[in-house]
Amino acid sequence: MANRSDDQWNRPLRDLRISVIDRCNFRCRYCMPEEIFGHDYPFLPKEKILTFEEITRLSRIFVSLGVTKLRITGGEPLLRKNLSSLIHSLTQLDGVEDIAMTTNGVFLPKYAVALREAGLKRVTVSLDSLDDDRFRQMNGGRSSVKAVLDGIEAAAQAGMQVKINMVVQKGFNDQDIVPMADYFQKKKHILRFVEFMDVGNTNGWKLDQVVSKQQIIEAIHEHMPLEPVPPQYKGEVATRYRYQDRDGEIGIISSVTDAFCSTCTRARISAEGSLYTCLFASQGYKLRAMLRSEQSDDEIRAYIERVWRERTDRYSEERLNHTQQATSKIEMSHIGG
């Protein structure tokens, strides 16, 4: 059985989120706004991005420390060529119980079958509105709603479980909460609402643009009564609710108004191979140089274990209690949310 090292708040290391690329074909305003990530933005050159072999090696080391769940992220991960070969390699690791991927969905009609054949069983697709004009406004004019819905259907047809994530911003798409819930309940896909978060330094986050977990629940409950569902496991990210008078459920990821730092078991690897112990971290721990040196797996493992044992991150629980000047944080496009 894998060894498990808890951090300073007795949180085990169980989940690893791996960014395979820092580029994306969307320019969502809450992640990669066009005015910052324009045509001349200096994305990482190929040699600075971890290879699939390096990702697999790192994943094996993390699994030896207790990780059982892997999630592939970006940027947009399907911009990385031959991603299914990485998925296949990761499925061969002893101790991995679950591999999932987060994507904007538009490349799934092309790659869903290959990904499923490689062993990918779950995919989360980002979609913030069913209104085409509103969706285009939010993604920088890069995609229609239909392109994403086609991707969702392709993934489902290939045999993968599909969840949809909707980032809710007051004044932008909060009117879409109930229509999204109704649509995906009928499609029998789980929809998860994500509170607008202050990830990175470029998305113009303001607290008054947050639609709270309670407000989301109340909006849906008025039309489709809800009741809470117990968590499936300790550290589950989304708070779950099922419909009282129909099949299906929703989830709410409430990092702002109902933080879940106390049960966070997630580490993140950025596209360039740095370890981050919090979504809102300002400091990363460089692993790429260790992978490309003569250091052994045991030496890298000991370093990661030490970093995790010293972890004290509780940003979301502390966010509203402190007024000090915000520090610079890693961009979500580097660590995939």
C-alpha atoms as a PDB file:
ATOM      1  CA  MET A   1       0.000   0.000   0.000  1.00  0.00           C
ATOM      2  CA  ALA A   2       1.271   3.471  -0.874  1.00  0.00           C
ATOM      3  CA  ASN A   3       2.784   5.562   1.869  1.00  0.00           C
ATOM      4  CA  ARG A   4       0.808   8.660   2.798  1.00  0.00           C
ATOM      5  CA  SER A   5       2.242  11.875   4.202  1.00  0.00           C
ATOM      6  CA  ASP A   6      -0.167  14.428   5.622  1.00  0.00           C
ATOM      7  CA  ASP A   7       0.463  18.168   5.511  1.00  0.00           C
ATOM      8  CA  GLN A   8       0.437  20.574   8.483  1.00  0.00           C
ATOM      9  CA  TRP A   9      -3.390  20.469   8.592  1.00  0.00           C
ATOM     10  CA  ASN A  10      -3.518  16.649   8.411  1.00  0.00           C
ATOM     11  CA  ARG A  11      -4.565  16.621   4.764  1.00  0.00           C
ATOM     12  CA  PRO A  12      -3.296  13.642   2.761  1.00  0.00           C
ATOM     13  CA  LEU A  13      -1.994  13.882  -0.805  1.00  0.00           C
ATOM     14  CA  ARG A  14      -4.524  12.053  -2.946  1.00  0.00           C
ATOM     15  CA  ASP A  15      -5.215  14.025  -6.134  1.00  0.00           C
ATOM     16  CA  LEU A  16      -2.786  15.277  -8.785  1.00  0.00           C
ATOM     17  CA  ARG A  17      -3.790  17.725 -11.501  1.00  0.00           C
ATOM     18  CA  ILE A  18      -1.381  17.838 -14.414  1.00  0.00           C
ATOM     19  CA  SER A  19      -1.272  20.676 -16.932  1.00  0.00           C
ATOM     20  CA  VAL A  20       0.087  19.355 -20.223  1.00  0.00           C
ATOM     21  CA  ILE A  21       0.128  22.685 -22.088  1.00  0.00           C
ATOM     22  CA  ASP A  22      -0.266  26.392 -21.302  1.00  0.00           C
ATOM     23  CA  ARG A  23      -1.962  27.274 -24.594  1.00  0.00           C
ATOM     24  CA  CYS A  24      -5.696  27.418 -25.286  1.00  0.00           C
ATOM     25  CA  ASN A  25      -7.884  28.076 -28.309  1.00  0.00           C
ATOM     26  CA  PHE A  26     -10.349  30.032 -26.111  1.00  0.00           C
ATOM     27  CA  ARG A  27      -9.852  33.413 -24.451  1.00  0.00           C
ATOM     28  CA  CYS A  28     -12.259  33.139 -21.550  1.00  0.00           C
ATOM     29  CA  ARG A  29     -12.439  36.380 -19.600  1.00  0.00           C
ATOM     30  CA  TYR A  30     -11.998  34.641 -16.222  1.00  0.00           C
ATOM     31  CA  CYS A  31      -8.940  32.655 -17.300  1.00  0.00           C
ATOM     32  CA  MET A  32      -7.079  33.951 -20.377  1.00  0.00           C
ATOM     33  CA  PRO A  33      -8.514  37.374 -21.280  1.00  0.00           C
ATOM     34  CA  GLU A  34      -7.683  38.439 -24.829  1.00  0.00           C
ATOM     35  CA  GLU A  35      -6.169  41.767 -23.782  1.00  0.00           C
ATOM     36  CA  ILE A  36      -3.487  39.913 -21.798  1.00  0.00           C
ATOM     37  CA  PHE A  37      -3.099  36.671 -23.759  1.00  0.00           C
ATOM     38  CA  GLY A  38      -2.936  38.229 -27.222  1.00  0.00           C
ATOM     39  CA  HIS A  39      -1.247  36.996 -30.390  1.00  0.00           C
ATOM     40  CA  ASP A  40       2.163  38.064 -29.084  1.00  0.00           C
ATOM     41  CA  TYR A  41       1.872  36.476 -25.632  1.00  0.00           C
ATOM     42  CA  PRO A  42       5.054  34.485 -24.842  1.00  0.00           C
ATOM     43  CA  PHE A  43       3.736  30.974 -24.316  1.00  0.00           C
ATOM     44  CA  LEU A  44       6.168  28.268 -23.247  1.00  0.00           C
ATOM     45  CA  PRO A  45       8.483  26.850 -25.917  1.00  0.00           C
ATOM     46  CA  LYS A  46       8.272  23.104 -26.438  1.00  0.00           C
ATOM     47  CA  GLU A  47      11.532  22.340 -24.650  1.00  0.00           C
ATOM     48  CA  LYS A  48      10.256  23.879 -21.414  1.00  0.00           C
ATOM     49  CA  ILE A  49       7.106  21.727 -21.291  1.00  0.00           C
ATOM     50  CA  LEU A  50       7.277  18.335 -19.641  1.00  0.00           C
ATOM     51  CA  THR A  51       7.427  15.388 -22.018  1.00  0.00           C
ATOM     52  CA  PHE A  52       4.927  12.553 -21.695  1.00  0.00           C
ATOM     53  CA  GLU A  53       7.708  10.370 -20.311  1.00  0.00           C
ATOM     54  CA  GLU A  54       8.477  12.962 -17.639  1.00  0.00           C
ATOM     55  CA  ILE A  55       4.785  13.321 -16.761  1.00  0.00           C
ATOM     56  CA  THR A  56       4.435   9.557 -16.432  1.00  0.00           C
ATOM     57  CA  ARG A  57       7.548   9.343 -14.257  1.00  0.00           C
ATOM     58  CA  LEU A  58       6.312  12.142 -12.003  1.00  0.00           C
ATOM     59  CA  SER A  59       2.872  10.568 -11.772  1.00  0.00           C
ATOM     60  CA  ARG A  60       4.431   7.267 -10.699  1.00  0.00           C
ATOM     61  CA  ILE A  61       6.310   9.076  -7.938  1.00  0.00           C
ATOM     62  CA  PHE A  62       3.163  10.865  -6.769  1.00  0.00           C
ATOM     63  CA  VAL A  63       1.223   7.597  -6.752  1.00  0.00           C
ATOM     64  CA  SER A  64       3.895   6.159  -4.474  1.00  0.00           C
ATOM     65  CA  LEU A  65       3.067   9.000  -2.070  1.00  0.00           C
ATOM     66  CA  GLY A  66      -0.637   8.179  -1.970  1.00  0.00           C
ATOM     67  CA  VAL A  67      -2.137   9.799  -5.074  1.00  0.00           C
ATOM     68  CA  THR A  68      -4.989   7.743  -6.536  1.00  0.00           C
ATOM     69  CA  LYS A  69      -6.625  10.285  -8.844  1.00  0.00           C
ATOM     70  CA  LEU A  70      -5.085  12.025 -11.844  1.00  0.00           C
ATOM     71  CA  ARG A  71      -6.664  14.839 -13.840  1.00  0.00           C
ATOM     72  CA  ILE A  72      -5.248  16.099 -17.135  1.00  0.00           C
ATOM     73  CA  THR A  73      -5.681  19.834 -17.676  1.00  0.00           C
ATOM     74  CA  GLY A  74      -4.238  22.765 -19.624  1.00  0.00           C
ATOM     75  CA  GLY A  75      -4.591  25.364 -21.086  1.00  0.00           C
ATOM     76  CA  GLU A  76      -6.612  23.216 -23.436  1.00  0.00           C
ATOM     77  CA  PRO A  77      -5.108  19.731 -23.089  1.00  0.00           C
ATOM     78  CA  LEU A  78      -6.321  18.514 -26.474  1.00  0.00           C
ATOM     79  CA  LEU A  79      -3.992  21.019 -28.150  1.00  0.00           C
ATOM     80  CA  ARG A  80      -1.203  18.675 -27.032  1.00  0.00           C
ATOM     81  CA  LYS A  81      -0.464  16.205 -29.818  1.00  0.00           C
ATOM     82  CA  ASN A  82      -1.011  12.481 -29.241  1.00  0.00           C
ATOM     83  CA  LEU A  83      -2.541  13.030 -25.807  1.00  0.00           C
ATOM     84  CA  SER A  84      -4.139   9.589 -25.902  1.00  0.00           C
ATOM     85  CA  SER A  85      -0.668   8.034 -25.678  1.00  0.00           C
ATOM     86  CA  LEU A  86      -0.124   9.796 -22.351  1.00  0.00           C
ATOM     87  CA  ILE A  87      -3.524   8.625 -21.110  1.00  0.00           C
ATOM     88  CA  HIS A  88      -2.583   5.053 -21.998  1.00  0.00           C
ATOM     89  CA  SER A  89       0.721   5.314 -20.118  1.00  0.00           C
ATOM     90  CA  LEU A  90      -0.980   6.693 -17.018  1.00  0.00           C
ATOM     91  CA  THR A  91      -3.573   3.919 -16.966  1.00  0.00           C
ATOM     92  CA  GLN A  92      -0.722   1.422 -16.617  1.00  0.00           C
ATOM     93  CA  LEU A  93       0.397   2.841 -13.266  1.00  0.00           C
ATOM     94  CA  ASP A  94      -0.383   0.597 -10.320  1.00  0.00           C
ATOM     95  CA  GLY A  95      -2.436   2.444  -7.714  1.00  0.00           C
ATOM     96  CA  VAL A  96      -4.238   4.860 -10.043  1.00  0.00           C
ATOM     97  CA  GLU A  97      -7.960   4.483  -9.459  1.00  0.00           C
ATOM     98  CA  ASP A  98      -9.262   7.304 -11.625  1.00  0.00           C
ATOM     99  CA  ILE A  99      -8.060   9.391 -14.582  1.00  0.00           C
ATOM    100  CA  ALA A 100     -10.105  12.329 -15.830  1.00  0.00           C
ATOM    101  CA  MET A 101      -9.603  15.330 -18.105  1.00  0.00           C
ATOM    102  CA  THR A 102     -10.893  18.908 -18.178  1.00  0.00           C
ATOM    103  CA  THR A 103     -11.411  20.434 -21.631  1.00  0.00           C
ATOM    104  CA  ASN A 104     -13.405  23.102 -23.456  1.00  0.00           C
ATOM    105  CA  GLY A 105     -14.809  20.266 -25.543  1.00  0.00           C
ATOM    106  CA  VAL A 106     -14.457  21.485 -29.098  1.00  0.00           C
ATOM    107  CA  PHE A 107     -11.856  18.867 -30.063  1.00  0.00           C
ATOM    108  CA  LEU A 108     -13.753  15.934 -28.548  1.00  0.00           C
ATOM    109  CA  PRO A 109     -15.536  14.985 -31.799  1.00  0.00           C
ATOM    110  CA  LYS A 110     -12.069  14.336 -33.236  1.00  0.00           C
ATOM    111  CA  TYR A 111     -10.413  12.664 -30.243  1.00  0.00           C
ATOM    112  CA  ALA A 112     -13.096  11.163 -27.966  1.00  0.00           C
ATOM    113  CA  VAL A 113     -12.928   7.627 -29.337  1.00  0.00           C
ATOM    114  CA  ALA A 114      -9.125   7.474 -29.155  1.00  0.00           C
ATOM    115  CA  LEU A 115      -9.153   8.872 -25.625  1.00  0.00           C
ATOM    116  CA  ARG A 116     -11.720   6.310 -24.477  1.00  0.00           C
ATOM    117  CA  GLU A 117      -9.768   3.484 -26.109  1.00  0.00           C
ATOM    118  CA  ALA A 118      -6.661   4.721 -24.293  1.00  0.00           C
ATOM    119  CA  GLY A 119      -8.478   4.342 -20.979  1.00  0.00           C
ATOM    120  CA  LEU A 120     -10.031   7.738 -20.245  1.00  0.00           C
ATOM    121  CA  LYS A 121     -13.378   7.193 -18.538  1.00  0.00           C
ATOM    122  CA  ARG A 122     -14.356  10.682 -17.389  1.00  0.00           C
ATOM    123  CA  VAL A 123     -14.242  14.142 -18.901  1.00  0.00           C
ATOM    124  CA  THR A 124     -15.305  17.539 -17.588  1.00  0.00           C
ATOM    125  CA  VAL A 125     -16.327  20.075 -20.218  1.00  0.00           C
ATOM    126  CA  SER A 126     -16.447  23.831 -19.560  1.00  0.00           C
ATOM    127  CA  LEU A 127     -19.566  25.619 -20.810  1.00  0.00           C
ATOM    128  CA  ASP A 128     -20.765  28.896 -19.322  1.00  0.00           C
ATOM    129  CA  SER A 129     -23.996  29.570 -21.210  1.00  0.00           C
ATOM    130  CA  LEU A 130     -26.406  28.082 -23.740  1.00  0.00           C
ATOM    131  CA  ASP A 131     -26.914  31.540 -25.233  1.00  0.00           C
ATOM    132  CA  ASP A 132     -24.549  31.773 -28.189  1.00  0.00           C
ATOM    133  CA  ASP A 133     -23.940  35.526 -28.002  1.00  0.00           C
ATOM    134  CA  ARG A 134     -23.257  35.394 -24.292  1.00  0.00           C
ATOM    135  CA  PHE A 135     -21.022  32.359 -24.607  1.00  0.00           C
ATOM    136  CA  ARG A 136     -18.983  34.001 -27.367  1.00  0.00           C
ATOM    137  CA  GLN A 137     -18.628  37.123 -25.253  1.00  0.00           C
ATOM    138  CA  MET A 138     -17.260  35.019 -22.394  1.00  0.00           C
ATOM    139  CA  ASN A 139     -14.846  32.908 -24.485  1.00  0.00           C
ATOM    140  CA  GLY A 140     -13.403  35.742 -26.534  1.00  0.00           C
ATOM    141  CA  GLY A 141     -15.428  34.941 -29.647  1.00  0.00           C
ATOM    142  CA  ARG A 142     -13.622  31.640 -30.145  1.00  0.00           C
ATOM    143  CA  SER A 143     -16.465  29.119 -30.186  1.00  0.00           C
ATOM    144  CA  SER A 144     -20.167  28.582 -30.579  1.00  0.00           C
ATOM    145  CA  VAL A 145     -22.290  26.727 -28.045  1.00  0.00           C
ATOM    146  CA  LYS A 146     -22.996  24.060 -30.661  1.00  0.00           C
ATOM    147  CA  ALA A 147     -19.309  23.187 -31.006  1.00  0.00           C
ATOM    148  CA  VAL A 148     -19.099  22.445 -27.284  1.00  0.00           C
ATOM    149  CA  LEU A 149     -22.394  20.529 -27.224  1.00  0.00           C
ATOM    150  CA  ASP A 150     -21.139  18.434 -30.131  1.00  0.00           C
ATOM    151  CA  GLY A 151     -18.045  17.646 -28.076  1.00  0.00           C
ATOM    152  CA  ILE A 152     -20.144  16.641 -25.083  1.00  0.00           C
ATOM    153  CA  GLU A 153     -22.214  14.328 -27.259  1.00  0.00           C
ATOM    154  CA  ALA A 154     -19.090  12.807 -28.826  1.00  0.00           C
ATOM    155  CA  ALA A 155     -17.636  12.025 -25.414  1.00  0.00           C
ATOM    156  CA  ALA A 156     -20.890  10.468 -24.226  1.00  0.00           C
ATOM    157  CA  GLN A 157     -21.208   8.405 -27.389  1.00  0.00           C
ATOM    158  CA  ALA A 158     -17.644   7.169 -26.911  1.00  0.00           C
ATOM    159  CA  GLY A 159     -18.661   5.817 -23.505  1.00  0.00           C
ATOM    160  CA  MET A 160     -17.224   8.440 -21.178  1.00  0.00           C
ATOM    161  CA  GLN A 161     -18.984   9.985 -18.201  1.00  0.00           C
ATOM    162  CA  VAL A 162     -19.406  13.697 -18.895  1.00  0.00           C
ATOM    163  CA  LYS A 163     -19.691  16.496 -16.361  1.00  0.00           C
ATOM    164  CA  ILE A 164     -20.147  20.140 -17.290  1.00  0.00           C
ATOM    165  CA  ASN A 165     -18.595  23.047 -15.387  1.00  0.00           C
ATOM    166  CA  MET A 166     -20.237  26.479 -15.548  1.00  0.00           C
ATOM    167  CA  VAL A 167     -18.380  29.447 -14.075  1.00  0.00           C
ATOM    168  CA  VAL A 168     -21.030  31.896 -12.884  1.00  0.00           C
ATOM    169  CA  GLN A 169     -20.378  35.650 -12.939  1.00  0.00           C
ATOM    170  CA  LYS A 170     -22.954  38.127 -11.690  1.00  0.00           C
ATOM    171  CA  GLY A 171     -24.027  40.449 -14.460  1.00  0.00           C
ATOM    172  CA  PHE A 172     -22.634  38.211 -17.202  1.00  0.00           C
ATOM    173  CA  ASN A 173     -24.292  34.802 -17.177  1.00  0.00           C
ATOM    174  CA  ASP A 174     -26.179  34.414 -13.897  1.00  0.00           C
ATOM    175  CA  GLN A 175     -29.455  34.452 -15.860  1.00  0.00           C
ATOM    176  CA  ASP A 176     -28.340  31.140 -17.392  1.00  0.00           C
ATOM    177  CA  ILE A 177     -28.244  29.171 -14.125  1.00  0.00           C
ATOM    178  CA  VAL A 178     -31.736  27.690 -14.396  1.00  0.00           C
ATOM    179  CA  PRO A 179     -31.715  27.109 -18.196  1.00  0.00           C
ATOM    180  CA  MET A 180     -28.385  25.262 -17.875  1.00  0.00           C
ATOM    181  CA  ALA A 181     -29.681  23.142 -15.008  1.00  0.00           C
ATOM    182  CA  ASP A 182     -32.853  22.245 -16.914  1.00  0.00           C
ATOM    183  CA  TYR A 183     -31.011  21.435 -20.152  1.00  0.00           C
ATOM    184  CA  PHE A 184     -28.402  19.131 -18.651  1.00  0.00           C
ATOM    185  CA  GLN A 185     -30.887  17.426 -16.333  1.00  0.00           C
ATOM    186  CA  LYS A 186     -32.808  16.404 -19.443  1.00  0.00           C
ATOM    187  CA  LYS A 187     -29.548  15.317 -21.117  1.00  0.00           C
ATOM    188  CA  LYS A 188     -28.695  13.265 -17.993  1.00  0.00           C
ATOM    189  CA  HIS A 189     -25.308  14.954 -17.509  1.00  0.00           C
ATOM    190  CA  ILE A 190     -24.128  16.327 -14.158  1.00  0.00           C
ATOM    191  CA  LEU A 191     -23.777  20.111 -14.191  1.00  0.00           C
ATOM    192  CA  ARG A 192     -21.465  21.785 -11.688  1.00  0.00           C
ATOM    193  CA  PHE A 193     -21.651  25.497 -10.956  1.00  0.00           C
ATOM    194  CA  VAL A 194     -18.343  27.160 -10.110  1.00  0.00           C
ATOM    195  CA  GLU A 195     -18.179  30.381  -8.124  1.00  0.00           C
ATOM    196  CA  PHE A 196     -16.125  33.034  -9.942  1.00  0.00           C
ATOM    197  CA  MET A 197     -12.674  32.827  -8.328  1.00  0.00           C
ATOM    198  CA  ASP A 198      -9.686  35.147  -8.042  1.00  0.00           C
ATOM    199  CA  VAL A 199      -7.285  32.744  -9.724  1.00  0.00           C
ATOM    200  CA  GLY A 200      -4.171  34.402 -11.110  1.00  0.00           C
ATOM    201  CA  ASN A 201      -3.758  38.142 -11.587  1.00  0.00           C
ATOM    202  CA  THR A 202      -5.443  38.937 -14.909  1.00  0.00           C
ATOM    203  CA  ASN A 203      -9.154  38.090 -14.712  1.00  0.00           C
ATOM    204  CA  GLY A 204     -10.314  41.312 -13.036  1.00  0.00           C
ATOM    205  CA  TRP A 205     -11.902  39.444 -10.136  1.00  0.00           C
ATOM    206  CA  LYS A 206     -14.171  41.383  -7.806  1.00  0.00           C
ATOM    207  CA  LEU A 207     -16.139  39.953  -4.902  1.00  0.00           C
ATOM    208  CA  ASP A 208     -19.333  41.632  -6.064  1.00  0.00           C
ATOM    209  CA  GLN A 209     -19.224  39.549  -9.263  1.00  0.00           C
ATOM    210  CA  VAL A 210     -19.508  36.316  -7.282  1.00  0.00           C
ATOM    211  CA  VAL A 211     -22.845  34.511  -7.345  1.00  0.00           C
ATOM    212  CA  SER A 212     -22.792  32.564  -4.102  1.00  0.00           C
ATOM    213  CA  LYS A 213     -23.480  28.890  -3.581  1.00  0.00           C
ATOM    214  CA  GLN A 214     -26.618  29.788  -1.646  1.00  0.00           C
ATOM    215  CA  GLN A 215     -27.885  32.072  -4.409  1.00  0.00           C
ATOM    216  CA  ILE A 216     -27.347  29.335  -7.014  1.00  0.00           C
ATOM    217  CA  ILE A 217     -29.201  26.771  -4.897  1.00  0.00           C
ATOM    218  CA  GLU A 218     -32.114  29.145  -4.314  1.00  0.00           C
ATOM    219  CA  ALA A 219     -32.405  30.029  -8.008  1.00  0.00           C
ATOM    220  CA  ILE A 220     -32.660  26.393  -9.057  1.00  0.00           C
ATOM    221  CA  HIS A 221     -34.727  25.231  -6.074  1.00  0.00           C
ATOM    222  CA  GLU A 222     -37.470  27.700  -6.948  1.00  0.00           C
ATOM    223  CA  HIS A 223     -38.015  25.930 -10.293  1.00  0.00           C
ATOM    224  CA  MET A 224     -36.681  22.437  -9.609  1.00  0.00           C
ATOM    225  CA  PRO A 225     -36.677  21.542  -5.892  1.00  0.00           C
ATOM    226  CA  LEU A 226     -33.353  20.254  -4.565  1.00  0.00           C
ATOM    227  CA  GLU A 227     -32.154  18.274  -1.587  1.00  0.00           C
ATOM    228  CA  PRO A 228     -28.555  17.775  -0.408  1.00  0.00           C
ATOM    229  CA  VAL A 229     -26.623  14.599  -1.164  1.00  0.00           C
ATOM    230  CA  PRO A 230     -23.922  13.326   1.214  1.00  0.00           C
ATOM    231  CA  PRO A 231     -20.355  13.499  -0.159  1.00  0.00           C
ATOM    232  CA  GLN A 232     -19.080  10.343  -1.840  1.00  0.00           C
ATOM    233  CA  TYR A 233     -15.684  10.703  -0.174  1.00  0.00           C
ATOM    234  CA  LYS A 234     -13.777  13.024   2.133  1.00  0.00           C
ATOM    235  CA  GLY A 235     -12.390  15.965   0.180  1.00  0.00           C
ATOM    236  CA  GLU A 236     -14.991  15.930  -2.603  1.00  0.00           C
ATOM    237  CA  VAL A 237     -14.733  19.304  -4.338  1.00  0.00           C
ATOM    238  CA  ALA A 238     -18.370  19.859  -5.261  1.00  0.00           C
ATOM    239  CA  THR A 239     -21.260  20.025  -2.805  1.00  0.00           C
ATOM    240  CA  ARG A 240     -23.935  17.852  -4.390  1.00  0.00           C
ATOM    241  CA  TYR A 241     -27.719  18.237  -4.601  1.00  0.00           C
ATOM    242  CA  ARG A 242     -30.268  15.988  -6.267  1.00  0.00           C
ATOM    243  CA  TYR A 243     -33.601  16.936  -7.779  1.00  0.00           C
ATOM    244  CA  GLN A 244     -36.556  15.978  -5.612  1.00  0.00           C
ATOM    245  CA  ASP A 245     -39.036  15.454  -8.440  1.00  0.00           C
ATOM    246  CA  ARG A 246     -36.833  14.231 -11.285  1.00  0.00           C
ATOM    247  CA  ASP A 247     -33.666  12.253 -11.936  1.00  0.00           C
ATOM    248  CA  GLY A 248     -30.220  13.757 -11.740  1.00  0.00           C
ATOM    249  CA  GLU A 249     -28.103  16.030  -9.607  1.00  0.00           C
ATOM    250  CA  ILE A 250     -26.001  19.189  -9.669  1.00  0.00           C
ATOM    251  CA  GLY A 251     -22.801  20.168  -7.900  1.00  0.00           C
ATOM    252  CA  ILE A 252     -21.540  23.516  -6.648  1.00  0.00           C
ATOM    253  CA  ILE A 253     -17.868  24.375  -6.283  1.00  0.00           C
ATOM    254  CA  SER A 254     -17.852  27.172  -3.728  1.00  0.00           C
ATOM    255  CA  SER A 255     -14.263  28.231  -3.247  1.00  0.00           C
ATOM    256  CA  VAL A 256     -15.268  31.774  -2.289  1.00  0.00           C
ATOM    257  CA  THR A 257     -18.336  31.655  -0.028  1.00  0.00           C
ATOM    258  CA  ASP A 258     -18.072  28.138   1.429  1.00  0.00           C
ATOM    259  CA  ALA A 259     -14.409  27.191   1.188  1.00  0.00           C
ATOM    260  CA  PHE A 260     -13.270  23.582   1.444  1.00  0.00           C
ATOM    261  CA  CYS A 261      -9.584  24.094   2.227  1.00  0.00           C
ATOM    262  CA  SER A 262      -9.788  21.866   5.301  1.00  0.00           C
ATOM    263  CA  THR A 263     -10.310  18.788   3.145  1.00  0.00           C
ATOM    264  CA  CYS A 264      -8.174  19.731   0.124  1.00  0.00           C
ATOM    265  CA  THR A 265      -6.012  16.820  -1.009  1.00  0.00           C
ATOM    266  CA  ARG A 266      -4.891  18.259  -4.361  1.00  0.00           C
ATOM    267  CA  ALA A 267      -1.477  19.037  -5.758  1.00  0.00           C
ATOM    268  CA  ARG A 268      -0.896  20.580  -9.168  1.00  0.00           C
ATOM    269  CA  ILE A 269       1.874  20.295 -11.747  1.00  0.00           C
ATOM    270  CA  SER A 270       2.174  23.247 -14.127  1.00  0.00           C
ATOM    271  CA  ALA A 271       2.907  22.883 -17.808  1.00  0.00           C
ATOM    272  CA  GLU A 272       6.585  23.692 -17.224  1.00  0.00           C
ATOM    273  CA  GLY A 273       6.913  21.152 -14.424  1.00  0.00           C
ATOM    274  CA  SER A 274       6.514  23.113 -11.197  1.00  0.00           C
ATOM    275  CA  LEU A 275       4.626  21.749  -8.212  1.00  0.00           C
ATOM    276  CA  TYR A 276       1.924  23.965  -6.692  1.00  0.00           C
ATOM    277  CA  THR A 277       0.231  23.014  -3.443  1.00  0.00           C
ATOM    278  CA  CYS A 278      -2.746  25.365  -3.889  1.00  0.00           C
ATOM    279  CA  LEU A 279      -4.798  26.689  -6.801  1.00  0.00           C
ATOM    280  CA  PHE A 280      -4.047  30.201  -5.534  1.00  0.00           C
ATOM    281  CA  ALA A 281      -0.342  29.654  -4.852  1.00  0.00           C
ATOM    282  CA  SER A 282       2.269  32.269  -5.653  1.00  0.00           C
ATOM    283  CA  GLN A 283       5.237  29.922  -5.241  1.00  0.00           C
ATOM    284  CA  GLY A 284       5.984  26.781  -7.223  1.00  0.00           C
ATOM    285  CA  TYR A 285       8.562  24.069  -6.585  1.00  0.00           C
ATOM    286  CA  LYS A 286      10.596  23.343  -9.683  1.00  0.00           C
ATOM    287  CA  LEU A 287      10.583  19.650 -10.555  1.00  0.00           C
ATOM    288  CA  ARG A 288      11.609  19.808 -14.220  1.00  0.00           C
ATOM    289  CA  ALA A 289      15.267  20.431 -13.438  1.00  0.00           C
ATOM    290  CA  MET A 290      15.237  17.488 -11.040  1.00  0.00           C
ATOM    291  CA  LEU A 291      13.715  15.235 -13.689  1.00  0.00           C
ATOM    292  CA  ARG A 292      16.350  16.281 -16.225  1.00  0.00           C
ATOM    293  CA  SER A 293      19.287  15.845 -13.867  1.00  0.00           C
ATOM    294  CA  GLU A 294      20.813  12.712 -12.399  1.00  0.00           C
ATOM    295  CA  GLN A 295      18.463  12.674  -9.425  1.00  0.00           C
ATOM    296  CA  SER A 296      16.741   9.394  -8.719  1.00  0.00           C
ATOM    297  CA  ASP A 297      13.028   8.757  -8.227  1.00  0.00           C
ATOM    298  CA  ASP A 298      13.701   8.310  -4.505  1.00  0.00           C
ATOM    299  CA  GLU A 299      15.377  11.718  -4.276  1.00  0.00           C
ATOM    300  CA  ILE A 300      12.539  13.429  -6.144  1.00  0.00           C
ATOM    301  CA  ARG A 301      10.010  11.567  -4.041  1.00  0.00           C
ATOM    302  CA  ALA A 302      11.670  12.719  -0.818  1.00  0.00           C
ATOM    303  CA  TYR A 303      11.622  16.319  -2.029  1.00  0.00           C
ATOM    304  CA  ILE A 304       7.916  16.204  -2.947  1.00  0.00           C
ATOM    305  CA  GLU A 305       7.105  14.514   0.345  1.00  0.00           C
ATOM    306  CA  ARG A 306       8.926  17.274   2.256  1.00  0.00           C
ATOM    307  CA  VAL A 307       7.091  20.012   0.344  1.00  0.00           C
ATOM    308  CA  TRP A 308       3.735  18.410   1.062  1.00  0.00           C
ATOM    309  CA  ARG A 309       4.473  17.818   4.758  1.00  0.00           C
ATOM    310  CA  GLU A 310       5.270  21.533   5.132  1.00  0.00           C
ATOM    311  CA  ARG A 311       2.113  22.629   3.286  1.00  0.00           C
ATOM    312  CA  THR A 312      -0.125  25.091   5.175  1.00  0.00           C
ATOM    313  CA  ASP A 313      -2.220  26.551   2.309  1.00  0.00           C
ATOM    314  CA  ARG A 314      -5.703  27.775   3.258  1.00  0.00           C
ATOM    315  CA  TYR A 315      -6.124  30.677   0.854  1.00  0.00           C
ATOM    316  CA  SER A 316      -9.873  30.406   0.322  1.00  0.00           C
ATOM    317  CA  GLU A 317     -10.584  30.226   4.049  1.00  0.00           C
ATOM    318  CA  GLU A 318      -8.391  33.263   4.662  1.00  0.00           C
ATOM    319  CA  ARG A 319      -9.438  35.334   1.623  1.00  0.00           C
ATOM    320  CA  LEU A 320     -12.259  37.275   3.265  1.00  0.00           C
ATOM    321  CA  ASN A 321     -10.605  37.603   6.674  1.00  0.00           C
ATOM    322  CA  HIS A 322      -7.536  39.569   5.645  1.00  0.00           C
ATOM    323  CA  THR A 323      -7.067  42.913   3.985  1.00  0.00           C
ATOM    324  CA  GLN A 324      -3.392  42.761   3.126  1.00  0.00           C
ATOM    325  CA  GLN A 325      -2.343  43.505  -0.420  1.00  0.00           C
ATOM    326  CA  ALA A 326      -2.850  40.510  -2.644  1.00  0.00           C
ATOM    327  CA  THR A 327       0.232  38.641  -3.726  1.00  0.00           C
ATOM    328  CA  SER A 328       0.966  37.574  -7.266  1.00  0.00           C
ATOM    329  CA  LYS A 329      -0.566  34.157  -8.016  1.00  0.00           C
ATOM    330  CA  ILE A 330       0.021  31.484 -10.634  1.00  0.00           C
ATOM    331  CA  GLU A 331      -2.302  31.857 -13.637  1.00  0.00           C
ATOM    332  CA  MET A 332      -5.056  29.245 -14.001  1.00  0.00           C
ATOM    333  CA  SER A 333      -3.993  28.656 -17.610  1.00  0.00           C
ATOM    334  CA  HIS A 334      -0.771  27.135 -16.213  1.00  0.00           C
ATOM    335  CA  ILE A 335      -2.380  24.773 -13.717  1.00  0.00           C
ATOM    336  CA  GLY A 336      -5.810  24.085 -15.138  1.00  0.00           C
ATOM    337  CA  GLY A 337      -8.072  25.028 -12.233  1.00  0.00           C
END
